Protein backbone atom coordinates (compact mmCIF):
# COMPACT_ATOMS: atom_id res chain seq x y z
CA MET A 1 -8.62 -50.19 -4.27
CA ASP A 2 -11.64 -48.72 -2.47
CA ASN A 3 -11.73 -45.01 -3.30
CA ARG A 4 -13.50 -44.09 -0.08
CA ARG A 5 -10.97 -45.82 2.08
CA LEU A 6 -8.14 -43.99 0.32
CA LEU A 7 -9.96 -40.69 0.79
CA LEU A 8 -10.43 -41.46 4.46
CA LEU A 9 -6.73 -42.26 4.77
CA LEU A 10 -5.78 -38.95 3.11
CA VAL A 11 -8.06 -37.00 5.44
CA PHE A 12 -6.55 -38.60 8.51
CA SER A 13 -3.01 -38.16 7.17
CA PHE A 14 -3.60 -34.49 6.45
CA SER A 15 -4.99 -33.83 9.91
CA LEU A 16 -2.12 -35.74 11.49
CA VAL A 17 0.58 -33.78 9.66
CA MET A 18 -1.07 -30.42 10.32
CA LEU A 19 -1.69 -30.99 14.03
CA TRP A 20 1.23 -33.20 15.05
CA ASP A 21 3.35 -30.40 16.51
CA ALA A 22 0.34 -28.98 18.32
CA TRP A 23 -0.49 -32.27 19.99
CA GLN A 24 3.14 -32.79 20.97
CA LYS A 25 3.12 -29.52 22.83
CA TYR A 26 -0.35 -30.14 24.25
CA ASN A 27 0.66 -33.48 25.78
CA GLN A 28 4.10 -32.40 26.93
CA PRO A 29 4.23 -31.83 30.71
CA PRO A 30 5.47 -28.43 31.87
CA PRO A 31 9.14 -28.29 32.87
CA VAL A 32 9.84 -29.08 36.49
CA VAL A 33 11.18 -26.07 38.35
CA PRO A 34 13.85 -27.12 40.86
CA MET A 35 13.42 -26.08 44.46
CA ALA A 36 15.71 -23.41 45.82
CA THR A 37 18.74 -24.80 47.62
CA ALA A 38 21.31 -23.36 49.95
CA GLY A 39 23.48 -20.92 48.11
CA ALA A 40 20.95 -20.32 45.32
CA VAL A 41 20.85 -16.80 44.03
CA ALA A 42 17.81 -14.58 44.13
CA PRO A 43 15.27 -14.83 41.30
CA GLY A 44 16.26 -12.79 38.30
CA SER A 45 19.91 -12.54 39.17
CA SER A 46 22.71 -14.18 37.23
CA ASP A 47 25.21 -16.44 38.91
CA ALA A 48 27.04 -17.29 35.69
CA ALA A 49 30.50 -15.95 35.09
CA ALA A 50 31.51 -14.59 31.72
CA PRO A 51 32.04 -17.27 29.06
CA GLN A 52 35.58 -18.21 28.08
CA PRO A 53 36.76 -18.60 24.48
CA SER A 54 38.42 -21.80 23.40
CA ALA A 55 42.07 -21.82 22.39
CA SER A 56 41.10 -22.32 18.75
CA LEU A 57 39.29 -18.98 18.55
CA HIS A 58 42.44 -17.01 19.23
CA SER A 59 45.93 -17.59 20.45
CA PRO A 60 46.42 -17.16 24.21
CA LEU A 61 45.76 -13.55 25.03
CA PRO A 62 47.77 -11.30 27.27
CA THR A 63 45.55 -9.95 30.01
CA VAL A 64 45.59 -6.69 31.87
CA PRO A 65 46.96 -7.38 35.35
CA GLY A 66 44.43 -6.43 37.96
CA GLU A 67 44.35 -6.28 41.71
CA ALA A 68 40.72 -7.40 41.88
CA ALA A 69 37.78 -8.19 39.71
CA ALA A 70 35.37 -5.46 38.73
CA PRO A 71 32.78 -4.76 41.46
CA VAL A 72 29.37 -6.39 41.38
CA ALA A 73 26.38 -4.09 40.98
CA PRO A 74 23.81 -3.53 43.69
CA ALA A 75 20.34 -4.79 42.74
CA GLY A 76 17.62 -2.47 41.57
CA GLU A 77 19.24 0.46 39.76
CA SER A 78 18.27 0.82 36.11
CA PHE A 79 17.87 3.47 33.39
CA THR A 80 14.88 3.95 31.07
CA ILE A 81 15.28 4.85 27.41
CA LYS A 82 12.25 5.83 25.29
CA THR A 83 12.04 5.73 21.49
CA ASP A 84 9.15 5.92 19.07
CA LEU A 85 8.91 2.11 18.89
CA PHE A 86 9.78 0.86 22.38
CA VAL A 87 10.84 1.56 25.93
CA ALA A 88 14.10 -0.06 27.02
CA GLU A 89 15.18 -0.59 30.60
CA ILE A 90 18.96 -0.91 31.00
CA SER A 91 20.32 -2.25 34.27
CA ALA A 92 23.32 -0.75 36.01
CA GLN A 93 24.49 -4.33 36.49
CA GLY A 94 26.32 -5.21 33.32
CA GLY A 95 24.61 -2.51 31.29
CA ASP A 96 22.18 -5.24 30.23
CA ILE A 97 18.83 -4.69 28.52
CA VAL A 98 16.55 -6.31 31.06
CA ARG A 99 13.21 -5.03 29.75
CA LEU A 100 12.00 -4.01 26.30
CA VAL A 101 8.37 -2.97 25.83
CA LEU A 102 7.13 -2.67 22.23
CA HIS A 103 4.59 0.10 21.61
CA ASN A 104 3.00 -1.34 18.46
CA TYR A 105 2.16 -4.74 19.92
CA LYS A 106 -0.17 -5.59 22.76
CA ASP A 107 0.42 -8.15 25.48
CA THR A 108 -0.83 -11.60 24.57
CA GLU A 109 -3.16 -11.82 27.57
CA ALA A 110 -3.64 -8.27 28.89
CA LYS A 111 -4.52 -6.30 25.75
CA SER A 112 -4.49 -3.02 27.67
CA LYS A 113 -0.70 -3.34 28.08
CA ASP A 114 2.11 -3.21 25.55
CA PHE A 115 4.03 -6.40 24.84
CA ALA A 116 7.32 -6.91 26.72
CA LEU A 117 9.98 -8.90 24.86
CA PHE A 118 12.81 -8.68 27.40
CA GLU A 119 11.57 -8.62 30.99
CA ARG A 120 12.73 -9.31 34.52
CA ARG A 121 9.54 -11.21 35.37
CA HIS A 122 10.23 -13.71 32.59
CA HIS A 123 14.03 -13.71 33.14
CA TYR A 124 14.93 -12.71 29.61
CA ALA A 125 17.76 -10.24 28.96
CA ALA A 126 20.34 -9.20 26.37
CA GLN A 127 23.82 -9.13 27.92
CA SER A 128 27.30 -8.23 26.78
CA GLY A 129 30.74 -7.86 28.28
CA LEU A 130 34.48 -8.32 27.93
CA ILE A 131 36.64 -11.31 28.80
CA GLY A 132 39.80 -10.41 30.63
CA ASP A 133 41.24 -9.96 34.11
CA GLY A 134 39.21 -7.31 35.87
CA LEU A 135 37.43 -6.15 32.74
CA PRO A 136 33.70 -5.43 32.95
CA ASN A 137 31.22 -8.20 32.22
CA HIS A 138 27.49 -8.65 32.75
CA LYS A 139 27.96 -8.62 36.54
CA THR A 140 29.89 -5.35 36.70
CA VAL A 141 28.33 -2.15 38.02
CA PHE A 142 28.19 0.66 35.43
CA SER A 143 27.40 4.32 35.90
CA ALA A 144 25.38 6.34 33.40
CA LEU A 145 26.67 9.59 31.95
CA PRO A 146 24.33 12.58 31.69
CA GLY A 147 22.39 12.93 28.47
CA PRO A 148 18.93 12.60 26.91
CA ARG A 149 16.94 9.47 27.73
CA GLU A 150 14.16 9.97 25.20
CA LEU A 151 14.25 10.16 21.40
CA GLY A 152 12.23 13.30 20.88
CA GLY A 153 11.74 16.11 18.43
CA ASP A 154 13.35 15.62 15.05
CA ALA A 155 16.29 13.62 16.38
CA LYS A 156 17.00 10.50 14.33
CA THR A 157 19.32 8.82 16.83
CA LEU A 158 19.87 8.72 20.57
CA GLN A 159 23.08 7.66 22.32
CA PHE A 160 23.18 6.40 25.89
CA ARG A 161 26.60 5.97 27.45
CA LEU A 162 27.63 3.83 30.43
CA GLU A 163 31.06 3.64 32.04
CA ALA A 164 32.67 0.95 34.15
CA PRO A 165 35.19 1.77 36.88
CA PRO A 166 38.73 1.91 35.42
CA VAL A 167 41.01 -1.04 36.14
CA ASN A 168 44.78 -0.52 35.93
CA GLY A 169 44.45 2.42 33.58
CA VAL A 170 41.94 0.73 31.28
CA ARG A 171 38.55 2.41 31.06
CA VAL A 172 35.64 0.68 29.31
CA SER A 173 32.48 2.37 28.09
CA LYS A 174 29.33 0.79 26.72
CA ILE A 175 27.43 2.94 24.23
CA TYR A 176 23.87 2.20 23.11
CA THR A 177 22.71 3.86 19.88
CA PHE A 178 18.94 3.90 19.20
CA THR A 179 17.52 4.90 15.81
CA ARG A 180 14.08 6.31 15.06
CA GLY A 181 11.77 3.84 13.34
CA SER A 182 14.10 0.90 13.93
CA TYR A 183 14.20 -2.12 16.25
CA LEU A 184 17.95 -2.29 15.66
CA ILE A 185 20.12 -1.24 18.62
CA ASP A 186 23.85 -0.73 18.12
CA ILE A 187 25.98 -1.72 21.16
CA THR A 188 29.52 -0.36 21.12
CA GLN A 189 32.16 -1.33 23.67
CA GLU A 190 34.91 1.29 23.80
CA ILE A 191 38.27 0.46 25.36
CA ASP A 192 40.42 3.44 26.43
CA ASN A 193 43.88 2.12 27.22
CA ALA A 194 45.75 4.60 29.40
CA SER A 195 48.12 1.90 30.67
CA ASP A 196 51.60 1.15 29.38
CA LYS A 197 50.70 -2.28 28.06
CA GLU A 198 48.89 -3.50 24.96
CA VAL A 199 45.41 -4.82 25.66
CA ALA A 200 44.08 -7.87 23.82
CA LEU A 201 40.74 -9.32 24.80
CA HIS A 202 37.49 -10.94 23.69
CA ALA A 203 33.93 -9.63 23.76
CA TYR A 204 30.82 -11.73 24.27
CA TYR A 205 27.18 -11.07 23.48
CA GLN A 206 24.52 -13.36 24.87
CA PHE A 207 20.88 -13.88 25.73
CA GLN A 208 19.95 -15.18 29.13
CA ARG A 209 16.47 -16.66 29.32
CA ASP A 210 14.34 -19.08 31.28
CA THR A 211 13.01 -22.15 29.50
CA LYS A 212 9.32 -21.40 29.90
CA ALA A 213 7.07 -20.93 26.88
CA PRO A 214 5.95 -17.32 26.31
CA GLU A 215 2.91 -16.37 28.32
CA GLY A 216 -0.36 -16.78 26.47
CA GLU A 217 1.08 -19.29 24.00
CA SER A 218 -1.78 -21.49 22.84
CA ARG A 219 -1.42 -25.13 23.83
CA MET A 220 -3.07 -26.10 20.57
CA VAL A 221 -0.69 -24.10 18.36
CA SER A 222 2.89 -25.31 18.62
CA THR A 223 5.69 -22.90 17.69
CA PHE A 224 9.41 -23.03 18.42
CA THR A 225 10.86 -21.15 21.37
CA GLY A 226 14.60 -21.23 21.92
CA PRO A 227 18.02 -20.26 20.52
CA ALA A 228 18.97 -20.53 16.86
CA VAL A 229 22.30 -20.24 15.06
CA TYR A 230 22.94 -19.42 11.43
CA THR A 231 26.21 -19.92 9.55
CA GLU A 232 26.90 -20.24 5.83
CA GLN A 233 28.31 -23.73 6.32
CA GLU A 234 25.39 -25.30 8.22
CA LYS A 235 22.65 -22.75 7.54
CA PHE A 236 19.79 -22.36 10.05
CA GLN A 237 19.92 -24.50 13.19
CA LYS A 238 17.27 -24.45 15.92
CA VAL A 239 18.28 -25.77 19.34
CA HIS A 240 15.74 -26.91 21.91
CA PHE A 241 16.05 -25.93 25.57
CA ALA A 242 15.81 -29.58 26.61
CA ASP A 243 18.90 -30.44 24.54
CA ILE A 244 20.88 -27.61 26.17
CA GLU A 245 19.87 -28.73 29.65
CA ALA A 246 20.80 -32.33 28.82
CA GLY A 247 24.13 -31.30 27.31
CA LYS A 248 23.12 -32.74 23.92
CA ALA A 249 22.75 -29.53 21.91
CA LYS A 250 24.20 -29.78 18.41
CA PHE A 251 25.13 -26.65 16.50
CA VAL A 252 28.08 -25.00 14.78
CA THR A 253 30.45 -23.64 17.42
CA GLN A 254 33.02 -21.87 15.24
CA ALA A 255 32.68 -19.95 12.01
CA GLU A 256 33.79 -16.85 10.12
CA ASN A 257 30.24 -15.61 9.72
CA GLY A 258 26.73 -15.96 11.08
CA TRP A 259 24.58 -14.81 13.98
CA ILE A 260 22.77 -16.11 17.04
CA ALA A 261 19.17 -15.44 18.02
CA MET A 262 16.55 -16.23 20.61
CA VAL A 263 13.33 -17.07 18.78
CA GLN A 264 9.72 -17.21 19.95
CA HIS A 265 6.32 -16.97 18.29
CA TYR A 266 6.11 -13.68 16.34
CA PHE A 267 9.26 -12.11 17.89
CA VAL A 268 13.04 -12.51 17.77
CA ALA A 269 16.16 -11.08 19.35
CA ALA A 270 19.39 -11.56 17.40
CA TRP A 271 23.03 -10.55 17.81
CA LEU A 272 24.38 -9.74 14.34
CA PRO A 273 28.22 -9.61 14.45
CA PRO A 274 30.22 -8.21 11.54
CA GLU A 275 31.01 -10.67 8.76
CA LYS A 276 34.46 -12.18 8.05
CA LEU A 277 35.37 -12.21 11.73
CA PRO A 278 36.18 -15.38 13.71
CA ARG A 279 33.44 -16.20 16.20
CA GLU A 280 32.53 -18.90 18.64
CA PHE A 281 28.93 -19.77 19.47
CA TYR A 282 28.00 -21.28 22.83
CA MET A 283 24.93 -22.43 24.73
CA ARG A 284 24.86 -23.60 28.32
CA LYS A 285 22.60 -24.28 31.24
CA LEU A 286 22.99 -21.96 34.22
CA ASP A 287 22.91 -23.70 37.59
CA GLY A 288 21.94 -22.42 41.00
CA ASN A 289 18.84 -20.45 39.99
CA VAL A 290 15.29 -20.79 41.23
CA ASP A 291 14.17 -20.78 37.58
CA GLN A 292 15.75 -22.87 34.86
CA LEU A 293 17.96 -20.49 32.86
CA VAL A 294 20.07 -20.93 29.75
CA ALA A 295 22.62 -18.65 28.12
CA ALA A 296 23.18 -18.55 24.37
CA GLY A 297 25.69 -16.23 22.80
CA VAL A 298 28.73 -15.54 20.67
CA ILE A 299 32.36 -14.69 21.53
CA LEU A 300 34.37 -12.37 19.27
CA PRO A 301 38.01 -11.25 19.29
CA VAL A 302 38.47 -7.52 19.81
CA PRO A 303 41.22 -5.62 17.93
CA LEU A 304 44.36 -4.95 19.94
CA THR A 305 44.40 -1.66 21.85
CA ALA A 306 47.84 -0.07 22.00
CA PRO A 307 48.94 1.98 25.02
CA GLY A 308 47.47 5.47 24.90
CA SER A 309 44.88 4.60 22.24
CA LYS A 310 41.20 3.70 22.01
CA THR A 311 39.38 0.82 20.34
CA ALA A 312 35.66 0.77 19.62
CA PHE A 313 33.91 -2.47 18.73
CA SER A 314 30.21 -2.56 17.69
CA VAL A 315 27.67 -5.38 17.33
CA PRO A 316 24.05 -4.62 16.39
CA LEU A 317 21.14 -6.20 18.26
CA TYR A 318 17.78 -6.69 16.55
CA SER A 319 15.00 -7.13 19.09
CA GLY A 320 11.45 -6.90 17.85
CA PRO A 321 8.75 -8.46 15.68
CA GLN A 322 9.49 -10.95 12.91
CA LEU A 323 8.48 -8.52 10.18
CA GLN A 324 9.33 -10.23 6.91
CA GLY A 325 10.23 -7.02 5.06
CA THR A 326 12.49 -5.80 7.88
CA LEU A 327 14.30 -9.13 8.17
CA ASP A 328 14.78 -9.25 4.41
CA ARG A 329 16.43 -5.81 4.43
CA LEU A 330 18.78 -6.76 7.28
CA ALA A 331 19.81 -9.84 5.29
CA LEU A 332 20.98 -7.69 2.35
CA PRO A 333 24.72 -7.06 1.90
CA LYS A 334 26.07 -3.86 3.41
CA ALA A 335 26.62 -2.45 -0.08
CA GLU A 336 22.84 -2.63 -0.57
CA GLY A 337 21.93 -1.02 2.75
CA GLY A 338 21.64 -4.17 4.89
CA LEU A 339 23.82 -5.76 7.56
CA GLY A 340 24.74 -8.89 5.64
CA ALA A 341 22.77 -11.02 8.12
CA GLN A 342 22.12 -13.83 5.65
CA GLY A 343 19.36 -16.24 6.63
CA LEU A 344 17.76 -13.91 9.16
CA PRO A 345 14.29 -14.22 7.53
CA LEU A 346 14.39 -17.94 8.42
CA VAL A 347 13.53 -17.11 12.04
CA VAL A 348 9.92 -16.82 10.84
CA ASP A 349 8.72 -20.35 11.49
CA TYR A 350 6.97 -21.56 8.35
CA GLY A 351 7.47 -25.21 9.26
CA TRP A 352 8.94 -27.76 6.86
CA LEU A 353 7.26 -26.21 3.82
CA THR A 354 9.03 -22.84 3.93
CA ILE A 355 9.77 -23.02 0.19
CA ILE A 356 6.01 -22.89 -0.46
CA ALA A 357 4.87 -20.88 2.56
CA ALA A 358 7.21 -17.92 1.93
CA PRO A 359 5.83 -17.07 -1.56
CA ILE A 360 2.27 -17.65 -0.28
CA PHE A 361 2.81 -15.04 2.42
CA TRP A 362 4.36 -12.71 -0.15
CA CYS A 363 1.11 -12.95 -2.15
CA LEU A 364 -0.94 -12.42 1.01
CA GLN A 365 1.05 -9.29 1.84
CA ALA A 366 0.66 -7.98 -1.73
CA ILE A 367 -3.13 -8.38 -1.46
CA HIS A 368 -3.12 -6.65 1.93
CA ASN A 369 -1.26 -3.69 0.44
CA VAL A 370 -4.24 -3.24 -1.88
CA VAL A 371 -7.23 -3.97 0.39
CA GLY A 372 -5.72 -2.77 3.69
CA ASN A 373 -7.31 -5.51 5.82
CA TRP A 374 -5.68 -8.84 6.67
CA GLY A 375 -9.02 -10.62 7.02
CA TRP A 376 -10.15 -9.70 3.51
CA ALA A 377 -6.63 -10.46 2.26
CA ILE A 378 -7.02 -14.02 3.61
CA VAL A 379 -10.42 -14.30 1.89
CA LEU A 380 -9.06 -13.11 -1.47
CA LEU A 381 -5.95 -15.30 -1.21
CA THR A 382 -8.15 -18.32 -0.53
CA VAL A 383 -10.22 -17.49 -3.62
CA ALA A 384 -7.02 -17.14 -5.68
CA ILE A 385 -5.68 -20.51 -4.49
CA LYS A 386 -9.04 -22.10 -5.19
CA LEU A 387 -9.00 -20.74 -8.74
CA LEU A 388 -5.43 -21.97 -9.20
CA PHE A 389 -6.46 -25.50 -8.30
CA PHE A 390 -9.85 -25.32 -9.99
CA PRO A 391 -9.03 -27.94 -12.66
CA LEU A 392 -7.72 -30.40 -10.08
CA SER A 393 -10.67 -29.82 -7.77
CA ALA A 394 -13.08 -30.22 -10.67
CA ALA A 395 -11.51 -33.55 -11.60
CA SER A 396 -11.80 -34.70 -8.00
CA TYR A 397 -15.44 -33.65 -7.65
CA LYS A 398 -16.34 -35.25 -11.00
CA SER A 399 -14.88 -38.52 -9.78
CA MET A 400 -16.81 -38.21 -6.52
CA ALA A 401 -20.00 -37.42 -8.42
CA LYS A 402 -19.54 -40.56 -10.54
CA MET A 403 -18.96 -42.57 -7.40
CA ARG A 404 -22.14 -41.11 -5.95
CA THR A 405 -24.15 -42.32 -8.94
CA VAL A 406 -22.89 -45.92 -8.61
CA THR A 407 -23.13 -46.08 -4.80
CA PRO A 408 -26.47 -48.01 -4.94
CA LEU A 409 -24.81 -50.60 -7.19
CA LEU A 410 -21.85 -50.89 -4.79
CA VAL A 411 -24.24 -51.51 -1.91
CA LYS A 412 -25.94 -54.31 -3.86
CA LEU A 413 -22.57 -55.88 -4.69
CA LYS A 414 -21.58 -55.78 -1.04
CA GLU A 415 -24.82 -57.51 -0.06
CA ARG A 416 -24.46 -60.11 -2.84
CA HIS A 417 -20.82 -61.01 -2.03
CA ALA A 418 -20.80 -60.36 1.72
CA GLY A 419 -18.94 -63.60 2.39
CA ASP A 420 -16.46 -63.45 -0.49
CA ARG A 421 -14.08 -60.49 -0.23
CA GLN A 422 -12.05 -61.43 -3.31
CA LYS A 423 -15.14 -61.74 -5.49
CA LEU A 424 -16.47 -58.43 -4.17
CA ASN A 425 -13.24 -56.65 -5.14
CA GLN A 426 -13.34 -58.19 -8.63
CA GLU A 427 -16.93 -57.11 -9.18
CA MET A 428 -16.15 -53.60 -7.92
CA MET A 429 -13.22 -53.24 -10.31
CA GLU A 430 -15.41 -54.47 -13.18
CA LEU A 431 -18.01 -51.87 -12.24
CA TYR A 432 -15.40 -49.10 -12.18
CA LYS A 433 -14.11 -50.20 -15.57
CA ARG A 434 -17.61 -50.39 -17.07
CA GLU A 435 -18.62 -46.97 -15.73
CA LYS A 436 -15.19 -45.46 -16.61
CA ILE A 437 -14.46 -44.48 -13.02
CA ASN A 438 -10.90 -44.09 -11.71
CA PRO A 439 -10.90 -45.16 -8.03
CA LEU A 440 -8.01 -42.75 -7.40
CA GLY A 441 -9.52 -39.91 -9.40
CA GLY A 442 -11.09 -38.24 -6.39
CA CYS A 443 -8.03 -38.53 -4.14
CA LEU A 444 -4.94 -37.74 -6.19
CA PRO A 445 -5.98 -34.14 -7.02
CA ILE A 446 -6.61 -33.56 -3.31
CA ALA A 447 -3.23 -35.08 -2.42
CA VAL A 448 -1.49 -32.61 -4.75
CA GLN A 449 -3.14 -29.68 -2.96
CA ILE A 450 -2.32 -30.82 0.59
CA PRO A 451 1.24 -29.31 0.69
CA VAL A 452 -0.19 -25.93 -0.35
CA PHE A 453 -2.86 -26.09 2.34
CA ILE A 454 -0.27 -26.97 5.01
CA ALA A 455 2.07 -24.20 3.81
CA LEU A 456 -0.75 -21.66 4.00
CA TYR A 457 -1.54 -22.90 7.51
CA TRP A 458 2.05 -22.20 8.61
CA ALA A 459 2.19 -18.88 6.78
CA LEU A 460 -0.87 -17.65 8.66
CA LEU A 461 0.39 -19.11 11.93
CA GLY A 462 3.83 -17.50 11.76
CA ALA A 463 3.02 -14.02 10.42
CA VAL A 464 3.37 -11.35 13.11
CA GLU A 465 1.67 -8.95 10.70
CA ILE A 466 -1.61 -10.75 11.48
CA ARG A 467 -1.11 -10.46 15.25
CA ASP A 468 -3.75 -8.09 16.73
CA ALA A 469 -5.08 -7.49 13.20
CA PRO A 470 -8.88 -7.04 13.10
CA TRP A 471 -11.24 -8.29 10.41
CA ILE A 472 -14.90 -7.33 10.91
CA LEU A 473 -17.37 -7.03 13.77
CA TRP A 474 -16.37 -9.32 16.65
CA ILE A 475 -13.10 -10.52 15.07
CA THR A 476 -10.64 -8.01 16.52
CA ASP A 477 -7.54 -10.24 16.44
CA LEU A 478 -7.01 -12.74 13.63
CA SER A 479 -4.17 -14.39 15.55
CA ALA A 480 -6.44 -15.24 18.50
CA SER A 481 -9.31 -17.71 18.64
CA ASP A 482 -12.82 -16.52 17.81
CA PRO A 483 -14.16 -15.16 21.14
CA TYR A 484 -17.73 -16.30 20.34
CA TYR A 485 -16.77 -19.44 18.35
CA VAL A 486 -18.86 -18.34 15.38
CA LEU A 487 -16.29 -19.21 12.73
CA PRO A 488 -15.58 -22.72 14.14
CA VAL A 489 -19.31 -23.47 14.23
CA VAL A 490 -19.71 -22.27 10.62
CA MET A 491 -16.72 -24.42 9.65
CA VAL A 492 -18.36 -27.52 11.19
CA VAL A 493 -21.57 -26.78 9.28
CA THR A 494 -19.67 -26.43 5.98
CA MET A 495 -17.84 -29.71 6.60
CA LEU A 496 -21.16 -31.46 7.30
CA ILE A 497 -22.53 -30.15 4.01
CA GLN A 498 -19.43 -31.41 2.21
CA THR A 499 -19.87 -34.83 3.80
CA ARG A 500 -23.45 -34.93 2.53
CA LEU A 501 -22.30 -34.10 -0.99
CA ASN A 502 -19.69 -36.85 -0.99
CA PRO A 503 -20.70 -40.41 -1.89
CA THR A 504 -21.83 -42.39 1.15
CA PRO A 505 -19.40 -45.25 1.93
CA PRO A 506 -21.11 -48.65 1.71
CA ASP A 507 -19.30 -49.70 4.88
CA PRO A 508 -21.37 -48.48 7.90
CA ILE A 509 -18.26 -48.00 10.03
CA GLN A 510 -16.62 -45.83 7.36
CA ALA A 511 -19.83 -43.84 7.01
CA LYS A 512 -19.94 -43.16 10.77
CA VAL A 513 -16.28 -42.12 10.83
CA MET A 514 -16.83 -39.72 7.92
CA MET A 515 -19.77 -38.16 9.76
CA MET A 516 -17.64 -37.73 12.88
CA MET A 517 -14.79 -35.95 11.08
CA PRO A 518 -16.46 -32.49 10.97
CA PHE A 519 -16.97 -32.57 14.74
CA ILE A 520 -13.41 -33.80 15.40
CA PHE A 521 -11.97 -31.01 13.24
CA GLY A 522 -14.40 -28.51 14.74
CA ALA A 523 -13.30 -29.34 18.30
CA MET A 524 -9.68 -28.69 17.31
CA PHE A 525 -10.40 -25.49 15.40
CA PHE A 526 -12.29 -23.99 18.35
CA PHE A 527 -8.85 -23.13 19.78
CA PHE A 528 -7.15 -22.17 16.53
CA PRO A 529 -6.47 -18.54 15.48
CA ALA A 530 -9.44 -16.92 13.78
CA GLY A 531 -7.39 -16.22 10.64
CA LEU A 532 -6.80 -19.94 10.11
CA VAL A 533 -10.45 -20.80 10.70
CA LEU A 534 -11.48 -18.02 8.30
CA TYR A 535 -9.36 -19.61 5.59
CA TRP A 536 -11.00 -23.00 6.10
CA VAL A 537 -14.50 -21.52 6.15
CA VAL A 538 -13.93 -19.69 2.85
CA ASN A 539 -12.22 -22.70 1.28
CA ASN A 540 -15.04 -25.04 2.37
CA THR A 541 -17.71 -22.64 1.09
CA LEU A 542 -16.08 -22.40 -2.34
CA SER A 543 -15.61 -26.18 -2.42
CA ILE A 544 -19.29 -26.72 -1.61
CA ALA A 545 -20.37 -24.43 -4.44
CA GLN A 546 -18.05 -26.13 -6.94
CA GLN A 547 -18.88 -29.65 -5.78
CA TRP A 548 -22.65 -29.02 -5.73
CA GLN A 549 -22.60 -27.64 -9.28
CA ILE A 550 -20.51 -30.52 -10.64
CA THR A 551 -22.58 -33.15 -8.80
CA ARG A 552 -25.83 -31.62 -10.09
CA MET A 553 -24.50 -31.66 -13.65
CA MET A 554 -23.23 -35.23 -13.40
CA GLU A 555 -26.39 -36.59 -11.83
CA GLY A 556 -28.54 -34.69 -14.36
CA GLY A 557 -26.53 -36.17 -17.21
CA ALA A 558 -26.84 -39.68 -15.75
CA LYS A 559 -30.63 -39.35 -15.46
CA ALA A 560 -30.90 -38.12 -19.04
CA ALA A 561 -28.81 -41.04 -20.28
CA ASN A 562 -30.97 -43.56 -18.44
CA ASP A 563 -34.30 -41.95 -19.43
CA PRO A 564 -35.91 -44.15 -22.17
CA LYS A 565 -37.91 -41.15 -23.40
CA ALA A 566 -34.76 -39.17 -24.05
């Protein structure tokens, strides 16, 4: 088999696997936004009623008799809560978190502004409520009780309390607890039953979001945006917006454990219910809105509330960056200081090579803890990976160097047997055997390294720690493309040098294709994050040095062997 053709096939296969998701997103048309129709609600409002549990979640529940449903909130009123990590805006309607601005992360496009995870403009909110006749849901008007709205001084926690109007002697409060240094928000729904009947009900916790990709998302870098469910029985399940809208979404609906999240590049919001409690997951398309909206959430049974007693039911909400260390701690059992949210670290999208990408990022983070700069950490990690695969790379370059020395003979064979393909192949195999060259020797070592390269690609792409991280000089954000395209140009130059060092294919068409590859890759990498391009530049530079040294040694040895004076 022709070694150069196999190498060409590997190069194309590698580029196809690495860029397939990106091209899918690049060629996918934007979702069509339906025109407003009669009866459509105003932008940003929710026309969806509270979800209903299925009969299998709980036996039929007695409901609190009510004369009328809880009142609907007037638009506009909201309350602002400030902590050391974020600013939360809580709407009077439903007591929903309708805006969450993170202090430590800048907006993707406007770097002078802080990044907003939940926001009215993007129709993304965290909602909760109760299911029962007249009980408050995400459309009910709440009133705020007096108290601090900012986590200041030495205070470690801040509580913000909302109350719904009482219905038939049942008063419901919603209590938000914010903790210093944490993106975890505890939401407690307190039922005060002053009636003469026992109250049994369900609580629901959901995300309501439009189906648009996050603003500033690169069309050349494809990452998942949408809801995800985790249960011990089916593990991590991502659900695409298109499947929800088409009614074809497949996910676990009932379990005794697990959580639901809304995932996007670098950030996640997740409801983390207590373990060993029946739950029902749901996802649905919301009709009648100017923007396409979906709701994804979980329904939980609430303990019975006897007459004259109170019941408090809490579910934590994590809403912030996909920090690997933080997610790992939340996944720990409660006995070890976590929340028992198993599988939560899987929201970091490392692609289909998570088993390799996760330890690679662990190594990258360990290097960063020493050097204190993510750019230099990428450089040192690349050097470490190159050293790890040094024997394989050396074997590959030795094979290429041998092929380079016999290229003139291959050209002569091609000219001699231009009209007889079978004879040409026989002569080539005889030449390989005589010169002790393995046609696959230059390709198999590279094939072994490809999964590691792809895993590193995804590790760099999915790490929020690299977002807004500077390197040197003009590189102020390793997660964004090089503003002056210096690194992509250097990468093209290094690939051209590598092409020159490789043996020239005897087939003119193959030779032209190989010369075009650096420019094809370069055009793609012009839009890639600078951290990824930095990795490729360093890797190419080290490969050039290794390949040049091995080629020089092999060619020098061949000349000495053929020198009659030697």
